[in-house]
Amino acid sequence: MPPRALRFAVFVISFSISTGEYPHVKNASAQSYAFKSTATLLNTMTEDLEAWRMFIGFQHDEILVSVSGAVITDGTDYPAHVGNGTSLSGFPQSNLLNAIDTAGDLTQIQVKVDLIGTQFGVKPPGIPMPKTIKLENDGFRCPAPSHKGKYHT
């Protein structure tokens, strides 16, 4: 088994942009677009992942208006300006059990975090992917994320 520092949890983030774009503005970089996204964190390790924390490196002046399945780690209220990225912590499911002890029960080893917000300057069909996404728990090192269509893995 590799040392813990080399292990990483598997997670996928996907974004879909709604059609709303109000108010209409002439400056394309100032145009706001509503988005809905889901970040999925799946524990594929042989040990539990306790008090999980995930960093999402937003980069399009995003404003989060709602998050379910997690909270903003530093307690920022909504609407939250997160254009430089933000950390999320699991709530109400803060621990992800391991797949062996749960027989792979996804309700115990996986969490889905739904995000609703506004981003600026990336009009459809552009895909407003974050710069990075990573697990922040101590002792974990995740590979750089990659883009696969509308998904960030």
N, C-alpha and C. Protein backbone atom coordinates (compact mmCIF):
# COMPACT_ATOMS: atom_id res chain seq x y z
N MET A 1 0.85 -1.17 0.00
CA MET A 1 0.00 0.00 0.00
C MET A 1 0.90 1.24 0.00
N PRO A 2 0.61 2.24 -0.85
CA PRO A 2 1.44 3.44 -0.89
C PRO A 2 1.30 4.26 0.37
N PRO A 3 2.29 5.09 0.70
CA PRO A 3 2.16 5.94 1.88
C PRO A 3 0.97 6.87 1.73
N ARG A 4 0.41 7.28 2.85
CA ARG A 4 -0.80 8.09 2.84
C ARG A 4 -0.64 9.36 2.01
N ALA A 5 0.51 9.96 2.00
CA ALA A 5 0.71 11.20 1.25
C ALA A 5 0.50 11.01 -0.24
N LEU A 6 0.60 9.78 -0.72
CA LEU A 6 0.42 9.53 -2.14
C LEU A 6 -1.00 9.11 -2.49
N ARG A 7 -1.82 8.88 -1.51
CA ARG A 7 -3.20 8.50 -1.76
C ARG A 7 -4.04 9.73 -2.07
N PHE A 8 -5.10 9.52 -2.82
CA PHE A 8 -6.02 10.62 -3.05
C PHE A 8 -7.40 10.06 -3.29
N ALA A 9 -8.38 10.86 -2.95
CA ALA A 9 -9.77 10.49 -3.19
C ALA A 9 -10.13 10.90 -4.61
N VAL A 10 -11.06 10.20 -5.19
CA VAL A 10 -11.52 10.51 -6.53
C VAL A 10 -12.69 11.47 -6.42
N PHE A 11 -12.67 12.53 -7.20
CA PHE A 11 -13.80 13.44 -7.21
C PHE A 11 -13.99 13.99 -8.61
N VAL A 12 -15.23 14.31 -8.89
CA VAL A 12 -15.59 14.85 -10.20
C VAL A 12 -16.41 16.10 -9.98
N ILE A 13 -16.18 17.11 -10.78
CA ILE A 13 -17.02 18.31 -10.71
C ILE A 13 -17.57 18.59 -12.10
N SER A 14 -18.84 18.89 -12.16
CA SER A 14 -19.45 19.22 -13.45
C SER A 14 -20.26 20.49 -13.31
N PHE A 15 -20.31 21.25 -14.39
CA PHE A 15 -21.06 22.51 -14.39
C PHE A 15 -22.03 22.52 -15.56
N SER A 16 -23.20 23.07 -15.34
CA SER A 16 -24.10 23.36 -16.45
C SER A 16 -24.60 24.78 -16.25
N ILE A 17 -24.67 25.54 -17.34
CA ILE A 17 -25.04 26.95 -17.25
C ILE A 17 -26.50 27.11 -17.61
N SER A 18 -27.24 27.83 -16.79
CA SER A 18 -28.63 28.11 -17.14
C SER A 18 -28.67 29.18 -18.22
N THR A 19 -29.85 29.42 -18.76
CA THR A 19 -29.97 30.39 -19.85
C THR A 19 -30.14 31.82 -19.37
N GLY A 20 -30.32 32.03 -18.08
CA GLY A 20 -30.54 33.39 -17.58
C GLY A 20 -29.30 34.25 -17.69
N GLU A 21 -29.49 35.47 -18.15
CA GLU A 21 -28.37 36.40 -18.24
C GLU A 21 -28.88 37.82 -18.05
N TYR A 22 -29.40 38.09 -16.89
CA TYR A 22 -29.96 39.41 -16.59
C TYR A 22 -29.15 40.08 -15.51
N PRO A 23 -28.93 41.35 -15.57
CA PRO A 23 -29.33 42.25 -16.64
C PRO A 23 -28.41 42.10 -17.85
N HIS A 24 -28.90 42.41 -19.05
CA HIS A 24 -28.07 42.38 -20.25
C HIS A 24 -27.17 43.61 -20.24
N VAL A 25 -25.88 43.39 -20.49
CA VAL A 25 -24.92 44.50 -20.53
C VAL A 25 -24.12 44.43 -21.82
N LYS A 26 -23.58 45.55 -22.26
CA LYS A 26 -22.81 45.59 -23.50
C LYS A 26 -21.42 45.00 -23.34
N ASN A 27 -20.82 45.16 -22.17
CA ASN A 27 -19.47 44.67 -21.90
C ASN A 27 -19.55 43.17 -21.61
N ALA A 28 -19.04 42.33 -22.53
CA ALA A 28 -19.15 40.88 -22.39
C ALA A 28 -18.50 40.36 -21.11
N SER A 29 -17.40 40.97 -20.67
CA SER A 29 -16.73 40.48 -19.46
C SER A 29 -17.52 40.81 -18.20
N ALA A 30 -18.46 41.76 -18.30
CA ALA A 30 -19.30 42.11 -17.15
C ALA A 30 -20.65 41.40 -17.17
N GLN A 31 -20.91 40.61 -18.23
CA GLN A 31 -22.19 39.91 -18.34
C GLN A 31 -22.26 38.79 -17.32
N SER A 32 -23.32 38.77 -16.56
CA SER A 32 -23.49 37.71 -15.56
C SER A 32 -24.27 36.55 -16.15
N TYR A 33 -23.92 35.34 -15.70
CA TYR A 33 -24.59 34.11 -16.10
C TYR A 33 -24.83 33.28 -14.86
N ALA A 34 -26.04 32.82 -14.68
CA ALA A 34 -26.34 31.93 -13.56
C ALA A 34 -25.75 30.56 -13.85
N PHE A 35 -25.30 29.87 -12.81
CA PHE A 35 -24.83 28.50 -13.00
C PHE A 35 -25.32 27.61 -11.88
N LYS A 36 -25.42 26.34 -12.20
CA LYS A 36 -25.68 25.28 -11.22
C LYS A 36 -24.61 24.24 -11.46
N SER A 37 -24.01 23.74 -10.39
CA SER A 37 -22.97 22.74 -10.54
C SER A 37 -23.06 21.74 -9.40
N THR A 38 -22.41 20.61 -9.61
CA THR A 38 -22.34 19.58 -8.59
C THR A 38 -20.89 19.13 -8.46
N ALA A 39 -20.39 19.13 -7.24
CA ALA A 39 -19.08 18.57 -6.94
C ALA A 39 -19.34 17.25 -6.21
N THR A 40 -18.74 16.18 -6.70
CA THR A 40 -18.92 14.86 -6.09
C THR A 40 -17.59 14.41 -5.53
N LEU A 41 -17.58 14.04 -4.26
CA LEU A 41 -16.38 13.53 -3.61
C LEU A 41 -16.64 12.08 -3.24
N LEU A 42 -15.82 11.17 -3.75
CA LEU A 42 -15.99 9.74 -3.56
C LEU A 42 -14.75 9.18 -2.89
N ASN A 43 -14.92 8.54 -1.73
CA ASN A 43 -13.80 7.95 -1.00
C ASN A 43 -13.55 6.55 -1.54
N THR A 44 -12.46 6.37 -2.27
CA THR A 44 -12.10 5.07 -2.82
C THR A 44 -10.98 4.40 -2.03
N MET A 45 -10.66 4.95 -0.87
CA MET A 45 -9.54 4.44 -0.07
C MET A 45 -9.97 3.29 0.83
N THR A 46 -9.00 2.71 1.50
CA THR A 46 -9.27 1.64 2.45
C THR A 46 -9.46 2.18 3.86
N GLU A 47 -9.39 3.49 4.03
CA GLU A 47 -9.60 4.11 5.34
C GLU A 47 -10.64 5.22 5.21
N ASP A 48 -11.24 5.57 6.33
CA ASP A 48 -12.24 6.63 6.34
C ASP A 48 -11.59 7.99 6.07
N LEU A 49 -12.35 8.88 5.48
CA LEU A 49 -11.92 10.26 5.27
C LEU A 49 -12.74 11.12 6.22
N GLU A 50 -12.09 11.57 7.29
CA GLU A 50 -12.80 12.31 8.34
C GLU A 50 -12.68 13.82 8.13
N ALA A 51 -13.79 14.51 8.39
CA ALA A 51 -13.86 15.98 8.30
C ALA A 51 -13.30 16.48 6.97
N TRP A 52 -13.86 15.97 5.88
CA TRP A 52 -13.34 16.33 4.56
C TRP A 52 -13.47 17.83 4.28
N ARG A 53 -12.48 18.33 3.51
CA ARG A 53 -12.45 19.72 3.06
C ARG A 53 -12.00 19.73 1.60
N MET A 54 -12.68 20.50 0.80
CA MET A 54 -12.38 20.59 -0.62
C MET A 54 -12.18 22.05 -1.01
N PHE A 55 -11.16 22.31 -1.82
CA PHE A 55 -10.94 23.66 -2.35
C PHE A 55 -11.36 23.69 -3.81
N ILE A 56 -12.18 24.68 -4.17
CA ILE A 56 -12.55 24.89 -5.57
C ILE A 56 -11.98 26.24 -5.98
N GLY A 57 -11.08 26.21 -6.94
CA GLY A 57 -10.39 27.42 -7.40
C GLY A 57 -11.18 28.17 -8.45
N PHE A 58 -12.26 28.80 -8.03
CA PHE A 58 -13.06 29.59 -8.96
C PHE A 58 -12.19 30.68 -9.58
N GLN A 59 -12.57 31.12 -10.80
CA GLN A 59 -11.73 32.11 -11.50
C GLN A 59 -12.51 33.08 -12.36
N HIS A 60 -13.84 33.08 -12.26
CA HIS A 60 -14.66 33.95 -13.11
C HIS A 60 -15.53 34.88 -12.27
N ASP A 61 -14.95 35.42 -11.18
CA ASP A 61 -15.67 36.34 -10.29
C ASP A 61 -16.99 35.76 -9.78
N GLU A 62 -16.99 34.46 -9.51
CA GLU A 62 -18.20 33.78 -9.08
C GLU A 62 -18.74 34.33 -7.76
N ILE A 63 -20.05 34.26 -7.65
CA ILE A 63 -20.76 34.58 -6.42
C ILE A 63 -21.62 33.36 -6.11
N LEU A 64 -21.37 32.72 -4.98
CA LEU A 64 -22.21 31.58 -4.57
C LEU A 64 -23.41 32.11 -3.82
N VAL A 65 -24.60 31.65 -4.21
CA VAL A 65 -25.82 32.07 -3.52
C VAL A 65 -26.43 30.93 -2.73
N SER A 66 -26.01 29.69 -3.02
CA SER A 66 -26.54 28.54 -2.30
C SER A 66 -25.59 27.36 -2.45
N VAL A 67 -25.39 26.63 -1.36
CA VAL A 67 -24.61 25.40 -1.37
C VAL A 67 -25.35 24.39 -0.51
N SER A 68 -25.54 23.18 -1.00
CA SER A 68 -26.11 22.12 -0.17
C SER A 68 -25.15 20.95 -0.15
N GLY A 69 -25.05 20.28 0.99
CA GLY A 69 -24.12 19.18 1.17
C GLY A 69 -22.78 19.60 1.73
N ALA A 70 -22.60 20.90 1.93
CA ALA A 70 -21.35 21.43 2.47
C ALA A 70 -21.61 22.86 2.95
N VAL A 71 -20.62 23.40 3.63
CA VAL A 71 -20.65 24.80 4.06
C VAL A 71 -19.33 25.45 3.65
N ILE A 72 -19.34 26.76 3.50
CA ILE A 72 -18.09 27.48 3.25
C ILE A 72 -17.29 27.41 4.54
N THR A 73 -16.08 26.89 4.46
CA THR A 73 -15.28 26.58 5.64
C THR A 73 -15.08 27.76 6.57
N ASP A 74 -14.84 28.96 6.02
CA ASP A 74 -14.57 30.11 6.90
C ASP A 74 -15.85 30.79 7.40
N GLY A 75 -17.01 30.23 7.09
CA GLY A 75 -18.27 30.75 7.62
C GLY A 75 -18.83 31.95 6.88
N THR A 76 -18.29 32.27 5.71
CA THR A 76 -18.79 33.39 4.92
C THR A 76 -20.28 33.22 4.64
N ASP A 77 -21.03 34.31 4.78
CA ASP A 77 -22.47 34.29 4.50
C ASP A 77 -22.72 34.38 3.00
N TYR A 78 -23.95 34.02 2.61
CA TYR A 78 -24.37 34.12 1.21
C TYR A 78 -25.09 35.44 0.99
N PRO A 79 -24.95 36.05 -0.14
CA PRO A 79 -24.13 35.63 -1.28
C PRO A 79 -22.64 35.81 -0.97
N ALA A 80 -21.84 34.83 -1.40
CA ALA A 80 -20.41 34.82 -1.10
C ALA A 80 -19.61 35.06 -2.38
N HIS A 81 -18.78 36.08 -2.38
CA HIS A 81 -17.91 36.37 -3.52
C HIS A 81 -16.70 35.45 -3.42
N VAL A 82 -16.59 34.49 -4.36
CA VAL A 82 -15.57 33.45 -4.28
C VAL A 82 -14.70 33.40 -5.54
N GLY A 83 -14.55 34.52 -6.22
CA GLY A 83 -13.82 34.57 -7.47
C GLY A 83 -12.37 34.14 -7.40
N ASN A 84 -11.78 34.13 -6.21
CA ASN A 84 -10.41 33.65 -6.04
C ASN A 84 -10.37 32.25 -5.45
N GLY A 85 -11.52 31.59 -5.39
CA GLY A 85 -11.59 30.24 -4.85
C GLY A 85 -12.14 30.23 -3.45
N THR A 86 -12.59 29.06 -3.02
CA THR A 86 -13.12 28.91 -1.67
C THR A 86 -12.99 27.48 -1.22
N SER A 87 -12.96 27.30 0.10
CA SER A 87 -12.91 25.97 0.70
C SER A 87 -14.29 25.60 1.21
N LEU A 88 -14.66 24.35 0.98
CA LEU A 88 -15.93 23.82 1.46
C LEU A 88 -15.66 22.68 2.42
N SER A 89 -16.47 22.58 3.45
CA SER A 89 -16.37 21.49 4.43
C SER A 89 -17.68 20.73 4.46
N GLY A 90 -17.57 19.43 4.70
CA GLY A 90 -18.75 18.59 4.69
C GLY A 90 -19.74 18.91 5.78
N PHE A 91 -21.00 19.10 5.39
CA PHE A 91 -22.09 19.28 6.34
C PHE A 91 -23.39 18.99 5.60
N PRO A 92 -24.21 18.10 6.04
CA PRO A 92 -24.13 17.42 7.33
C PRO A 92 -23.24 16.17 7.32
N GLN A 93 -22.84 15.67 6.15
CA GLN A 93 -22.01 14.47 6.08
C GLN A 93 -20.54 14.87 6.04
N SER A 94 -19.93 14.97 7.23
CA SER A 94 -18.54 15.44 7.29
C SER A 94 -17.53 14.32 7.12
N ASN A 95 -17.92 13.08 7.34
CA ASN A 95 -17.02 11.94 7.20
C ASN A 95 -17.48 11.04 6.07
N LEU A 96 -16.52 10.56 5.28
CA LEU A 96 -16.82 9.59 4.25
C LEU A 96 -16.15 8.28 4.64
N LEU A 97 -16.96 7.27 4.87
CA LEU A 97 -16.44 5.97 5.29
C LEU A 97 -15.75 5.29 4.12
N ASN A 98 -15.00 4.21 4.42
CA ASN A 98 -14.28 3.51 3.35
C ASN A 98 -15.18 2.48 2.68
N ALA A 99 -14.84 2.15 1.45
CA ALA A 99 -15.67 1.26 0.64
C ALA A 99 -15.69 -0.17 1.17
N ILE A 100 -14.64 -0.60 1.82
CA ILE A 100 -14.58 -1.99 2.31
C ILE A 100 -15.57 -2.22 3.43
N ASP A 101 -15.55 -1.35 4.45
CA ASP A 101 -16.42 -1.54 5.61
C ASP A 101 -17.89 -1.24 5.30
N THR A 102 -18.17 -0.65 4.16
CA THR A 102 -19.55 -0.29 3.81
C THR A 102 -20.08 -1.07 2.62
N ALA A 103 -19.29 -2.02 2.12
CA ALA A 103 -19.66 -2.79 0.93
C ALA A 103 -19.96 -1.86 -0.25
N GLY A 104 -19.22 -0.75 -0.31
CA GLY A 104 -19.36 0.18 -1.42
C GLY A 104 -20.66 0.97 -1.44
N ASP A 105 -21.30 1.11 -0.29
CA ASP A 105 -22.56 1.86 -0.19
C ASP A 105 -22.30 3.34 -0.45
N LEU A 106 -22.75 3.83 -1.61
CA LEU A 106 -22.47 5.21 -2.00
C LEU A 106 -23.03 6.24 -1.03
N THR A 107 -24.06 5.91 -0.29
CA THR A 107 -24.61 6.87 0.67
C THR A 107 -23.64 7.12 1.82
N GLN A 108 -22.66 6.21 2.01
CA GLN A 108 -21.70 6.36 3.10
C GLN A 108 -20.30 6.74 2.63
N ILE A 109 -19.99 6.52 1.35
CA ILE A 109 -18.63 6.79 0.86
C ILE A 109 -18.57 7.97 -0.12
N GLN A 110 -19.71 8.57 -0.41
CA GLN A 110 -19.77 9.64 -1.40
C GLN A 110 -20.65 10.78 -0.92
N VAL A 111 -20.28 11.99 -1.31
CA VAL A 111 -21.12 13.16 -1.04
C VAL A 111 -21.22 13.98 -2.32
N LYS A 112 -22.41 14.52 -2.54
CA LYS A 112 -22.63 15.42 -3.68
C LYS A 112 -22.94 16.80 -3.13
N VAL A 113 -22.20 17.78 -3.60
CA VAL A 113 -22.36 19.17 -3.16
C VAL A 113 -22.94 19.96 -4.33
N ASP A 114 -24.14 20.48 -4.14
CA ASP A 114 -24.80 21.27 -5.17
C ASP A 114 -24.53 22.75 -4.93
N LEU A 115 -24.08 23.44 -5.97
CA LEU A 115 -23.76 24.86 -5.89
C LEU A 115 -24.61 25.64 -6.88
N ILE A 116 -25.13 26.78 -6.45
CA ILE A 116 -25.87 27.68 -7.33
C ILE A 116 -25.23 29.05 -7.18
N GLY A 117 -25.00 29.70 -8.31
CA GLY A 117 -24.38 31.01 -8.23
C GLY A 117 -24.40 31.76 -9.54
N THR A 118 -23.58 32.78 -9.57
CA THR A 118 -23.44 33.65 -10.74
C THR A 118 -21.96 33.73 -11.08
N GLN A 119 -21.65 33.70 -12.37
CA GLN A 119 -20.28 33.91 -12.82
C GLN A 119 -20.32 34.92 -13.94
N PHE A 120 -19.16 35.48 -14.26
CA PHE A 120 -19.10 36.58 -15.21
C PHE A 120 -18.18 36.28 -16.37
N GLY A 121 -18.60 36.70 -17.57
CA GLY A 121 -17.74 36.72 -18.73
C GLY A 121 -17.53 35.42 -19.48
N VAL A 122 -18.16 34.33 -19.11
CA VAL A 122 -18.01 33.07 -19.84
C VAL A 122 -19.38 32.71 -20.39
N LYS A 123 -19.65 33.17 -21.60
CA LYS A 123 -20.98 32.96 -22.16
C LYS A 123 -21.10 31.57 -22.78
N PRO A 124 -22.31 31.01 -22.77
CA PRO A 124 -22.54 29.73 -23.43
C PRO A 124 -22.15 29.84 -24.91
N PRO A 125 -21.54 28.84 -25.49
CA PRO A 125 -21.35 27.50 -24.95
C PRO A 125 -20.06 27.33 -24.16
N GLY A 126 -19.40 28.40 -23.77
CA GLY A 126 -18.20 28.29 -22.95
C GLY A 126 -18.48 27.53 -21.67
N ILE A 127 -17.46 26.87 -21.14
CA ILE A 127 -17.61 26.06 -19.93
C ILE A 127 -16.80 26.72 -18.81
N PRO A 128 -17.48 27.28 -17.80
CA PRO A 128 -16.79 28.03 -16.75
C PRO A 128 -16.16 27.14 -15.69
N MET A 129 -15.17 26.37 -16.09
CA MET A 129 -14.54 25.46 -15.15
C MET A 129 -13.63 26.20 -14.18
N PRO A 130 -13.56 25.71 -12.94
CA PRO A 130 -12.61 26.31 -11.99
C PRO A 130 -11.18 26.02 -12.41
N LYS A 131 -10.26 26.82 -11.90
CA LYS A 131 -8.84 26.63 -12.20
C LYS A 131 -8.34 25.32 -11.61
N THR A 132 -8.81 25.00 -10.42
CA THR A 132 -8.39 23.77 -9.76
C THR A 132 -9.47 23.30 -8.81
N ILE A 133 -9.37 22.05 -8.42
CA ILE A 133 -10.21 21.48 -7.38
C ILE A 133 -9.36 20.43 -6.68
N LYS A 134 -9.36 20.47 -5.35
CA LYS A 134 -8.50 19.53 -4.64
C LYS A 134 -9.02 19.27 -3.24
N LEU A 135 -8.62 18.14 -2.71
CA LEU A 135 -8.91 17.77 -1.33
C LEU A 135 -7.90 18.49 -0.45
N GLU A 136 -8.38 19.14 0.61
CA GLU A 136 -7.49 19.93 1.48
C GLU A 136 -7.09 19.21 2.76
N ASN A 137 -7.59 18.03 3.00
CA ASN A 137 -7.24 17.32 4.23
C ASN A 137 -5.74 17.08 4.31
N ASP A 138 -5.18 17.19 5.52
CA ASP A 138 -3.76 16.97 5.73
C ASP A 138 -3.36 15.57 5.27
N GLY A 139 -2.17 15.47 4.67
CA GLY A 139 -1.61 14.19 4.28
C GLY A 139 -2.06 13.68 2.92
N PHE A 140 -2.79 14.48 2.18
CA PHE A 140 -3.25 14.06 0.86
C PHE A 140 -2.65 14.95 -0.21
N ARG A 141 -2.26 14.33 -1.30
CA ARG A 141 -1.74 15.06 -2.45
C ARG A 141 -2.50 14.54 -3.66
N CYS A 142 -3.23 15.41 -4.31
CA CYS A 142 -4.05 15.02 -5.44
C CYS A 142 -3.37 15.41 -6.74
N PRO A 143 -3.58 14.63 -7.80
CA PRO A 143 -3.02 15.02 -9.09
C PRO A 143 -3.73 16.26 -9.62
N ALA A 144 -3.11 16.93 -10.56
CA ALA A 144 -3.74 18.11 -11.17
C ALA A 144 -5.03 17.68 -11.85
N PRO A 145 -6.07 18.51 -11.77
CA PRO A 145 -7.33 18.15 -12.42
C PRO A 145 -7.20 18.20 -13.93
N SER A 146 -8.08 17.47 -14.60
CA SER A 146 -8.11 17.49 -16.06
C SER A 146 -9.54 17.73 -16.52
N HIS A 147 -9.68 18.27 -17.71
CA HIS A 147 -11.00 18.54 -18.29
C HIS A 147 -11.39 17.39 -19.20
N LYS A 148 -12.63 16.95 -19.08
CA LYS A 148 -13.18 15.93 -19.97
C LYS A 148 -14.55 16.42 -20.40
N GLY A 149 -14.61 17.13 -21.52
CA GLY A 149 -15.87 17.70 -21.98
C GLY A 149 -16.33 18.76 -21.02
N LYS A 150 -17.53 18.58 -20.45
CA LYS A 150 -18.07 19.54 -19.49
C LYS A 150 -17.73 19.14 -18.06
N TYR A 151 -16.78 18.22 -17.89
CA TYR A 151 -16.45 17.72 -16.57
C TYR A 151 -15.02 18.06 -16.21
N HIS A 152 -14.76 18.18 -14.94
CA HIS A 152 -13.44 18.47 -14.38
C HIS A 152 -13.18 17.33 -13.42
N THR A 153 -12.19 16.48 -13.68
CA THR A 153 -11.94 15.33 -12.81
C THR A 153 -10.59 15.42 -12.14
